[in-house]
Amino acid sequence: MQPEPASPLVRLDRWLCAARVFKSRTLAAAACGAGHVSVNGRAVRASHAVKVGDEVRAKPPRGPVVLIVIRLADKRLSPKDAVLLYEDRSPPPPPDDPVFRRERGSGRPTKADRRKLDKMRRW
């Protein structure tokens, strides 16, 4: 694992990339700009400096994450080293069980079936 940077602060987009929350620094910066990342409960820009002890909430494509910063890094690390940068307090993923099921081969959905499907998709 690379040593911590000389400065006790690191840009948020660099840390998110180093911790492998986002695949690239560009995606991390775009998420910050869209308001999908907050530090200590405040939506922040990509240039915000994070420090040890900060709580970072993000919405990457894999689902919402809540991380407590334990170490700082500004370069992308290997997956096993990246896990050492944070304490994961993310909520468990939602169950994959769909709310509405139809029997295979049951034909075209009825109007009531379609309404149930639409209701499920809007949730």
N, C-alpha and C. Protein backbone atom coordinates (compact mmCIF):
# COMPACT_ATOMS: atom_id res chain seq x y z
N MET A 1 0.84 -1.18 0.00
CA MET A 1 0.00 0.00 0.00
C MET A 1 0.88 1.24 0.00
N GLN A 2 0.46 2.26 -0.73
CA GLN A 2 1.23 3.48 -0.82
C GLN A 2 1.14 4.26 0.49
N PRO A 3 2.16 5.03 0.81
CA PRO A 3 2.11 5.83 2.03
C PRO A 3 1.07 6.93 1.92
N GLU A 4 0.64 7.43 3.08
CA GLU A 4 -0.33 8.52 3.09
C GLU A 4 0.32 9.77 2.52
N PRO A 5 -0.47 10.65 1.91
CA PRO A 5 0.10 11.87 1.35
C PRO A 5 0.65 12.76 2.46
N ALA A 6 1.55 13.68 2.08
CA ALA A 6 2.16 14.58 3.06
C ALA A 6 1.12 15.48 3.71
N SER A 7 0.12 15.89 2.96
CA SER A 7 -0.93 16.75 3.48
C SER A 7 -1.97 15.91 4.21
N PRO A 8 -2.53 16.41 5.33
CA PRO A 8 -3.56 15.65 6.04
C PRO A 8 -4.93 15.73 5.36
N LEU A 9 -5.00 16.36 4.20
CA LEU A 9 -6.26 16.50 3.46
C LEU A 9 -6.08 15.99 2.04
N VAL A 10 -7.15 15.42 1.48
CA VAL A 10 -7.14 14.93 0.10
C VAL A 10 -8.44 15.36 -0.56
N ARG A 11 -8.37 15.69 -1.85
CA ARG A 11 -9.59 16.04 -2.58
C ARG A 11 -10.56 14.87 -2.55
N LEU A 12 -11.84 15.18 -2.43
CA LEU A 12 -12.87 14.15 -2.33
C LEU A 12 -12.89 13.25 -3.56
N ASP A 13 -12.83 13.82 -4.76
CA ASP A 13 -12.89 12.98 -5.96
C ASP A 13 -11.70 12.04 -6.05
N ARG A 14 -10.53 12.48 -5.60
CA ARG A 14 -9.35 11.60 -5.61
C ARG A 14 -9.51 10.47 -4.60
N TRP A 15 -10.04 10.79 -3.42
CA TRP A 15 -10.22 9.76 -2.39
C TRP A 15 -11.27 8.74 -2.82
N LEU A 16 -12.36 9.20 -3.42
CA LEU A 16 -13.40 8.27 -3.89
C LEU A 16 -12.86 7.32 -4.95
N CYS A 17 -12.00 7.81 -5.80
CA CYS A 17 -11.39 6.96 -6.82
C CYS A 17 -10.38 5.99 -6.18
N ALA A 18 -9.57 6.49 -5.24
CA ALA A 18 -8.58 5.64 -4.56
C ALA A 18 -9.26 4.53 -3.77
N ALA A 19 -10.41 4.84 -3.17
CA ALA A 19 -11.15 3.86 -2.37
C ALA A 19 -12.00 2.94 -3.24
N ARG A 20 -11.99 3.17 -4.54
CA ARG A 20 -12.73 2.37 -5.51
C ARG A 20 -14.24 2.42 -5.32
N VAL A 21 -14.73 3.57 -4.88
CA VAL A 21 -16.18 3.77 -4.81
C VAL A 21 -16.70 4.03 -6.22
N PHE A 22 -15.94 4.79 -7.00
CA PHE A 22 -16.25 5.04 -8.41
C PHE A 22 -15.09 4.51 -9.25
N LYS A 23 -15.38 4.17 -10.50
CA LYS A 23 -14.36 3.56 -11.36
C LYS A 23 -13.30 4.56 -11.79
N SER A 24 -13.63 5.84 -11.83
CA SER A 24 -12.65 6.84 -12.25
C SER A 24 -12.87 8.13 -11.49
N ARG A 25 -11.86 8.98 -11.54
CA ARG A 25 -11.97 10.28 -10.87
C ARG A 25 -12.99 11.15 -11.58
N THR A 26 -13.11 11.00 -12.88
CA THR A 26 -14.10 11.75 -13.65
C THR A 26 -15.51 11.41 -13.20
N LEU A 27 -15.80 10.12 -13.01
CA LEU A 27 -17.13 9.72 -12.54
C LEU A 27 -17.39 10.22 -11.12
N ALA A 28 -16.35 10.21 -10.27
CA ALA A 28 -16.50 10.71 -8.91
C ALA A 28 -16.81 12.20 -8.92
N ALA A 29 -16.10 12.96 -9.75
CA ALA A 29 -16.34 14.40 -9.84
C ALA A 29 -17.73 14.69 -10.39
N ALA A 30 -18.18 13.90 -11.36
CA ALA A 30 -19.53 14.09 -11.92
C ALA A 30 -20.60 13.80 -10.86
N ALA A 31 -20.39 12.79 -10.05
CA ALA A 31 -21.35 12.47 -8.98
C ALA A 31 -21.39 13.59 -7.95
N CYS A 32 -20.24 14.16 -7.63
CA CYS A 32 -20.20 15.29 -6.69
C CYS A 32 -20.96 16.48 -7.28
N GLY A 33 -20.74 16.75 -8.55
CA GLY A 33 -21.42 17.86 -9.21
C GLY A 33 -22.91 17.68 -9.29
N ALA A 34 -23.36 16.43 -9.36
CA ALA A 34 -24.80 16.14 -9.44
C ALA A 34 -25.45 16.09 -8.07
N GLY A 35 -24.65 16.24 -7.00
CA GLY A 35 -25.22 16.22 -5.65
C GLY A 35 -25.41 14.83 -5.09
N HIS A 36 -24.72 13.83 -5.63
CA HIS A 36 -24.86 12.45 -5.18
C HIS A 36 -23.85 12.07 -4.09
N VAL A 37 -23.03 13.03 -3.68
CA VAL A 37 -22.02 12.76 -2.66
C VAL A 37 -22.13 13.82 -1.57
N SER A 38 -22.10 13.39 -0.32
CA SER A 38 -22.11 14.34 0.80
C SER A 38 -21.06 13.93 1.82
N VAL A 39 -20.51 14.93 2.50
CA VAL A 39 -19.53 14.71 3.55
C VAL A 39 -20.10 15.33 4.83
N ASN A 40 -20.21 14.51 5.86
CA ASN A 40 -20.75 14.95 7.15
C ASN A 40 -22.12 15.62 6.98
N GLY A 41 -22.95 15.06 6.09
CA GLY A 41 -24.31 15.53 5.90
C GLY A 41 -24.47 16.72 4.97
N ARG A 42 -23.40 17.22 4.38
CA ARG A 42 -23.48 18.36 3.46
C ARG A 42 -23.08 17.94 2.06
N ALA A 43 -23.88 18.31 1.07
CA ALA A 43 -23.51 18.05 -0.32
C ALA A 43 -22.31 18.93 -0.64
N VAL A 44 -21.29 18.34 -1.24
CA VAL A 44 -20.04 19.07 -1.49
C VAL A 44 -19.59 18.89 -2.93
N ARG A 45 -18.65 19.75 -3.32
CA ARG A 45 -18.06 19.66 -4.65
C ARG A 45 -16.89 18.68 -4.64
N ALA A 46 -16.41 18.37 -5.81
CA ALA A 46 -15.31 17.40 -5.95
C ALA A 46 -14.02 17.91 -5.32
N SER A 47 -13.86 19.22 -5.23
CA SER A 47 -12.63 19.79 -4.68
C SER A 47 -12.62 19.85 -3.16
N HIS A 48 -13.70 19.43 -2.52
CA HIS A 48 -13.77 19.45 -1.06
C HIS A 48 -12.69 18.54 -0.48
N ALA A 49 -12.03 19.00 0.58
CA ALA A 49 -10.96 18.21 1.20
C ALA A 49 -11.54 17.31 2.27
N VAL A 50 -11.23 16.03 2.20
CA VAL A 50 -11.68 15.09 3.23
C VAL A 50 -10.52 14.84 4.18
N LYS A 51 -10.87 14.52 5.42
CA LYS A 51 -9.86 14.21 6.42
C LYS A 51 -10.30 12.95 7.16
N VAL A 52 -9.41 12.39 7.93
CA VAL A 52 -9.70 11.18 8.68
C VAL A 52 -10.84 11.47 9.65
N GLY A 53 -11.83 10.58 9.69
CA GLY A 53 -12.98 10.73 10.57
C GLY A 53 -14.23 11.25 9.89
N ASP A 54 -14.11 11.75 8.66
CA ASP A 54 -15.28 12.25 7.93
C ASP A 54 -16.20 11.11 7.53
N GLU A 55 -17.50 11.40 7.48
CA GLU A 55 -18.49 10.43 6.99
C GLU A 55 -18.84 10.82 5.56
N VAL A 56 -18.62 9.92 4.63
CA VAL A 56 -18.89 10.16 3.22
C VAL A 56 -20.06 9.30 2.80
N ARG A 57 -21.10 9.94 2.27
CA ARG A 57 -22.26 9.23 1.71
C ARG A 57 -22.26 9.45 0.20
N ALA A 58 -22.37 8.36 -0.55
CA ALA A 58 -22.34 8.46 -2.00
C ALA A 58 -23.36 7.51 -2.61
N LYS A 59 -23.74 7.83 -3.85
CA LYS A 59 -24.67 6.99 -4.60
C LYS A 59 -24.01 6.53 -5.89
N PRO A 60 -23.07 5.57 -5.81
CA PRO A 60 -22.48 5.04 -7.04
C PRO A 60 -23.48 4.11 -7.73
N PRO A 61 -23.17 3.65 -8.95
CA PRO A 61 -24.10 2.78 -9.67
C PRO A 61 -24.48 1.50 -8.91
N ARG A 62 -23.62 1.00 -8.03
CA ARG A 62 -23.93 -0.25 -7.33
C ARG A 62 -24.90 -0.06 -6.17
N GLY A 63 -25.19 1.17 -5.77
CA GLY A 63 -26.13 1.45 -4.69
C GLY A 63 -25.52 2.37 -3.65
N PRO A 64 -26.34 2.90 -2.75
CA PRO A 64 -25.85 3.87 -1.77
C PRO A 64 -24.83 3.27 -0.81
N VAL A 65 -23.80 4.08 -0.49
CA VAL A 65 -22.78 3.65 0.46
C VAL A 65 -22.58 4.74 1.51
N VAL A 66 -22.24 4.29 2.72
CA VAL A 66 -21.89 5.19 3.82
C VAL A 66 -20.53 4.73 4.32
N LEU A 67 -19.54 5.62 4.23
CA LEU A 67 -18.17 5.26 4.57
C LEU A 67 -17.60 6.25 5.58
N ILE A 68 -16.83 5.75 6.53
CA ILE A 68 -16.09 6.58 7.47
C ILE A 68 -14.62 6.53 7.03
N VAL A 69 -14.02 7.69 6.80
CA VAL A 69 -12.64 7.77 6.32
C VAL A 69 -11.69 7.37 7.45
N ILE A 70 -10.88 6.34 7.20
CA ILE A 70 -9.88 5.89 8.18
C ILE A 70 -8.48 6.30 7.75
N ARG A 71 -8.21 6.22 6.45
CA ARG A 71 -6.91 6.59 5.91
C ARG A 71 -7.13 7.45 4.67
N LEU A 72 -6.09 8.17 4.30
CA LEU A 72 -6.15 9.00 3.11
C LEU A 72 -5.22 8.45 2.03
N ALA A 73 -5.65 8.59 0.80
CA ALA A 73 -4.84 8.21 -0.36
C ALA A 73 -5.33 9.04 -1.53
N ASP A 74 -4.41 9.41 -2.41
CA ASP A 74 -4.82 10.18 -3.58
C ASP A 74 -4.57 9.46 -4.89
N LYS A 75 -4.03 8.25 -4.82
CA LYS A 75 -3.82 7.43 -6.02
C LYS A 75 -4.66 6.17 -5.89
N ARG A 76 -5.13 5.67 -7.02
CA ARG A 76 -5.97 4.46 -7.03
C ARG A 76 -5.18 3.27 -6.51
N LEU A 77 -5.79 2.54 -5.58
CA LEU A 77 -5.13 1.41 -4.94
C LEU A 77 -5.72 0.10 -5.41
N SER A 78 -5.04 -0.99 -5.08
CA SER A 78 -5.58 -2.31 -5.38
C SER A 78 -6.84 -2.53 -4.52
N PRO A 79 -7.71 -3.43 -4.92
CA PRO A 79 -8.93 -3.64 -4.15
C PRO A 79 -8.69 -4.00 -2.68
N LYS A 80 -7.70 -4.83 -2.41
CA LYS A 80 -7.49 -5.23 -1.02
C LYS A 80 -6.91 -4.07 -0.19
N ASP A 81 -6.13 -3.17 -0.82
CA ASP A 81 -5.62 -2.00 -0.11
C ASP A 81 -6.68 -0.91 0.01
N ALA A 82 -7.55 -0.80 -0.98
CA ALA A 82 -8.59 0.23 -0.95
C ALA A 82 -9.56 0.01 0.20
N VAL A 83 -9.82 -1.22 0.56
CA VAL A 83 -10.74 -1.53 1.66
C VAL A 83 -10.21 -0.99 2.99
N LEU A 84 -8.90 -0.82 3.10
CA LEU A 84 -8.29 -0.33 4.34
C LEU A 84 -8.46 1.18 4.52
N LEU A 85 -8.96 1.88 3.50
CA LEU A 85 -9.12 3.33 3.58
C LEU A 85 -10.37 3.75 4.34
N TYR A 86 -11.33 2.85 4.52
CA TYR A 86 -12.61 3.26 5.10
C TYR A 86 -13.23 2.15 5.93
N GLU A 87 -14.19 2.57 6.76
CA GLU A 87 -15.04 1.64 7.49
C GLU A 87 -16.41 1.72 6.83
N ASP A 88 -16.91 0.60 6.37
CA ASP A 88 -18.16 0.57 5.62
C ASP A 88 -19.35 0.46 6.56
N ARG A 89 -20.23 1.46 6.51
CA ARG A 89 -21.47 1.45 7.29
C ARG A 89 -22.68 1.53 6.37
N SER A 90 -22.55 0.98 5.20
CA SER A 90 -23.61 1.02 4.20
C SER A 90 -24.80 0.17 4.62
N PRO A 91 -26.01 0.59 4.23
CA PRO A 91 -27.18 -0.24 4.51
C PRO A 91 -27.13 -1.51 3.67
N PRO A 92 -27.76 -2.57 4.14
CA PRO A 92 -27.76 -3.79 3.33
C PRO A 92 -28.51 -3.57 2.02
N PRO A 93 -28.11 -4.27 0.97
CA PRO A 93 -28.79 -4.09 -0.31
C PRO A 93 -30.24 -4.55 -0.23
N PRO A 94 -31.12 -3.94 -1.02
CA PRO A 94 -32.52 -4.36 -1.00
C PRO A 94 -32.67 -5.76 -1.56
N PRO A 95 -33.67 -6.49 -1.12
CA PRO A 95 -33.87 -7.85 -1.65
C PRO A 95 -34.21 -7.80 -3.14
N ASP A 96 -33.75 -8.81 -3.85
CA ASP A 96 -33.99 -8.86 -5.30
C ASP A 96 -35.31 -9.50 -5.65
N ASP A 97 -36.08 -9.90 -4.66
CA ASP A 97 -37.35 -10.56 -4.90
C ASP A 97 -38.37 -9.57 -5.46
N PRO A 98 -38.87 -9.78 -6.68
CA PRO A 98 -39.86 -8.85 -7.23
C PRO A 98 -41.19 -8.95 -6.47
N VAL A 99 -41.90 -7.86 -6.45
CA VAL A 99 -43.17 -7.80 -5.73
C VAL A 99 -44.26 -8.53 -6.51
N PHE A 100 -44.21 -8.44 -7.81
CA PHE A 100 -45.26 -9.00 -8.66
C PHE A 100 -44.67 -10.10 -9.53
N ARG A 101 -45.29 -11.26 -9.50
CA ARG A 101 -44.84 -12.38 -10.35
C ARG A 101 -45.99 -12.87 -11.22
N ARG A 102 -45.62 -13.26 -12.42
CA ARG A 102 -46.60 -13.87 -13.32
C ARG A 102 -46.11 -15.25 -13.68
N GLU A 103 -47.04 -16.16 -13.84
CA GLU A 103 -46.69 -17.52 -14.24
C GLU A 103 -46.19 -17.49 -15.68
N ARG A 104 -45.15 -18.24 -15.93
CA ARG A 104 -44.62 -18.32 -17.28
C ARG A 104 -45.64 -19.00 -18.19
N GLY A 105 -45.86 -18.41 -19.34
CA GLY A 105 -46.79 -18.99 -20.30
C GLY A 105 -48.24 -18.67 -19.99
N SER A 106 -48.50 -17.72 -19.10
CA SER A 106 -49.88 -17.41 -18.74
C SER A 106 -50.54 -16.46 -19.72
N GLY A 107 -49.82 -16.10 -20.76
CA GLY A 107 -50.42 -15.26 -21.79
C GLY A 107 -50.21 -13.78 -21.52
N ARG A 108 -51.00 -13.02 -22.24
CA ARG A 108 -50.89 -11.58 -22.16
C ARG A 108 -51.39 -11.06 -20.81
N PRO A 109 -50.73 -10.05 -20.21
CA PRO A 109 -51.21 -9.55 -18.92
C PRO A 109 -52.57 -8.87 -19.04
N THR A 110 -53.38 -9.05 -18.02
CA THR A 110 -54.67 -8.37 -17.98
C THR A 110 -54.45 -6.92 -17.57
N LYS A 111 -55.52 -6.15 -17.58
CA LYS A 111 -55.41 -4.75 -17.20
C LYS A 111 -54.98 -4.63 -15.73
N ALA A 112 -55.49 -5.49 -14.88
CA ALA A 112 -55.11 -5.48 -13.46
C ALA A 112 -53.64 -5.86 -13.29
N ASP A 113 -53.18 -6.84 -14.07
CA ASP A 113 -51.76 -7.22 -14.04
C ASP A 113 -50.87 -6.06 -14.46
N ARG A 114 -51.29 -5.36 -15.53
CA ARG A 114 -50.51 -4.24 -16.02
C ARG A 114 -50.42 -3.14 -14.97
N ARG A 115 -51.51 -2.88 -14.27
CA ARG A 115 -51.50 -1.86 -13.22
C ARG A 115 -50.56 -2.24 -12.08
N LYS A 116 -50.54 -3.52 -11.73
CA LYS A 116 -49.62 -3.98 -10.68
C LYS A 116 -48.17 -3.81 -11.13
N LEU A 117 -47.88 -4.14 -12.38
CA LEU A 117 -46.53 -3.96 -12.92
C LEU A 117 -46.13 -2.48 -12.92
N ASP A 118 -47.04 -1.60 -13.36
CA ASP A 118 -46.75 -0.18 -13.39
C ASP A 118 -46.50 0.36 -11.98
N LYS A 119 -47.30 -0.11 -11.03
CA LYS A 119 -47.13 0.33 -9.65
C LYS A 119 -45.77 -0.10 -9.11
N MET A 120 -45.36 -1.32 -9.43
CA MET A 120 -44.08 -1.81 -8.98
C MET A 120 -42.93 -1.01 -9.61
N ARG A 121 -43.04 -0.67 -10.87
CA ARG A 121 -41.96 0.05 -11.56
C ARG A 121 -41.84 1.49 -11.07
N ARG A 122 -42.95 2.10 -10.66
CA ARG A 122 -42.91 3.47 -10.18
C ARG A 122 -42.28 3.57 -8.81
N TRP A 123 -42.31 2.53 -8.03
CA TRP A 123 -41.78 2.57 -6.68
C TRP A 123 -40.35 2.87 -6.76
